[in-house]
């Protein structure tokens, strides 16, 4: 998986960077949001809790996806601004234990 940042704009009002990127995933399926989130955080040398992947769309017939991410100044700022469904999508899914 290789990420190439196309656009990186800072939104002063919301305290975040709005990033548009290309994601090359030769020989494999489109990576999950969790994987992309970790890789983007590693590239930017920041805490993964500040990164939220908004969308990933693979272009038909290619191994290239275009994505959008928000990188916040702090994890608290992210939890205040990001919609709940985006926060859930960017969280690892936990298997719930059946209570007997």
Protein backbone atom coordinates (compact mmCIF):
# COMPACT_ATOMS: atom_id res chain seq x y z
CA UNK A 1 0.00 0.00 0.00
CA UNK A 2 1.40 3.36 -1.05
CA UNK A 3 -0.22 6.69 -0.15
CA UNK A 4 0.42 9.86 -2.14
CA UNK A 5 -0.99 13.09 -0.68
CA UNK A 6 -2.55 15.25 -3.42
CA UNK A 7 -3.95 18.10 -1.33
CA UNK A 8 -3.44 19.20 2.28
CA UNK A 9 -5.42 22.25 3.39
CA UNK A 10 -5.60 23.56 6.95
CA UNK A 11 -9.07 24.55 8.20
CA UNK A 12 -8.38 27.05 10.99
CA UNK A 13 -12.01 27.23 12.15
CA UNK A 14 -12.29 23.48 12.79
CA UNK A 15 -8.65 22.93 13.79
CA UNK A 16 -7.88 20.25 11.23
CA UNK A 17 -6.01 19.45 8.03
CA UNK A 18 -8.23 18.24 5.20
CA UNK A 19 -6.25 15.77 3.12
CA UNK A 20 -7.03 14.23 -0.26
CA UNK A 21 -4.84 11.29 -1.23
CA UNK A 22 -4.28 8.55 -3.82
CA UNK A 23 -3.87 5.04 -2.51
CA UNK A 24 -2.11 2.41 -4.64
CA UNK A 25 -2.86 -1.17 -3.58
CA UNK A 26 -1.34 -3.38 -6.26
CA UNK A 27 -2.14 -7.07 -5.99
CA UNK A 28 -4.60 -6.78 -3.11
CA UNK A 29 -8.10 -5.64 -2.28
CA UNK A 30 -8.82 -2.08 -1.19
CA UNK A 31 -7.32 -1.71 2.31
CA UNK A 32 -9.63 -1.12 5.27
CA UNK A 33 -10.06 2.31 6.81
CA UNK A 34 -8.17 1.08 9.88
CA UNK A 35 -5.10 0.11 7.80
CA UNK A 36 -5.16 3.36 5.82
CA UNK A 37 -5.59 5.37 9.03
CA UNK A 38 -2.53 3.72 10.62
CA UNK A 39 -0.41 4.20 7.50
CA UNK A 40 -1.41 7.87 7.12
CA UNK A 41 -0.64 8.53 10.80
CA UNK A 42 2.76 6.84 10.38
CA UNK A 43 3.51 8.93 7.27
CA UNK A 44 2.58 12.19 9.03
CA UNK A 45 4.34 11.10 12.27
CA UNK A 46 1.27 11.78 14.42
CA UNK A 47 -0.99 9.87 16.80
CA UNK A 48 -3.53 7.64 15.04
CA UNK A 49 -6.32 9.06 17.27
CA UNK A 50 -6.08 12.37 15.39
CA UNK A 51 -6.69 10.83 11.93
CA UNK A 52 -10.15 10.05 10.53
CA UNK A 53 -10.69 8.58 7.07
CA UNK A 54 -13.82 10.09 5.53
CA UNK A 55 -13.99 8.00 2.34
CA UNK A 56 -12.05 5.65 0.09
CA UNK A 57 -13.23 5.03 -3.47
CA UNK A 58 -11.44 2.61 -5.78
CA UNK A 59 -11.52 3.72 -9.40
CA UNK A 60 -13.18 1.08 -11.58
CA UNK A 61 -10.77 -1.34 -13.20
CA UNK A 62 -7.68 -0.06 -11.40
CA UNK A 63 -5.71 -0.75 -8.25
CA UNK A 64 -5.82 2.93 -7.28
CA UNK A 65 -8.23 4.48 -4.80
CA UNK A 66 -8.88 8.13 -4.02
CA UNK A 67 -9.51 9.04 -0.40
CA UNK A 68 -10.29 11.88 1.94
CA UNK A 69 -9.08 12.23 5.54
CA UNK A 70 -9.26 14.76 8.35
CA UNK A 71 -6.29 15.21 10.68
CA UNK A 72 -7.18 17.11 13.85
CA UNK A 73 -5.03 19.18 16.19
CA UNK A 74 -6.12 16.96 19.11
CA UNK A 75 -8.17 13.77 19.68
CA UNK A 76 -10.66 15.77 21.77
CA UNK A 77 -11.25 18.18 18.87
CA UNK A 78 -11.85 15.21 16.58
CA UNK A 79 -14.46 13.66 18.88
CA UNK A 80 -16.29 17.00 19.14
CA UNK A 81 -16.47 17.64 15.39
CA UNK A 82 -16.54 14.32 13.51
CA UNK A 83 -19.98 12.73 13.09
CA UNK A 84 -20.59 9.62 15.20
CA UNK A 85 -20.85 7.31 12.18
CA UNK A 86 -17.38 8.37 10.95
CA UNK A 87 -15.89 7.74 14.41
CA UNK A 88 -17.46 4.26 14.47
CA UNK A 89 -16.21 3.45 10.96
CA UNK A 90 -12.67 4.41 11.97
CA UNK A 91 -12.71 2.27 15.13
CA UNK A 92 -11.62 -1.38 15.15
CA UNK A 93 -14.69 -3.59 15.34
CA UNK A 94 -14.92 -5.42 18.65
CA UNK A 95 -16.58 -8.80 18.78
CA UNK A 96 -19.23 -8.70 21.44
CA UNK A 97 -19.26 -11.60 23.87
CA UNK A 98 -22.49 -13.45 24.31
CA UNK A 99 -23.63 -13.24 27.90
CA UNK A 100 -25.07 -16.41 29.30
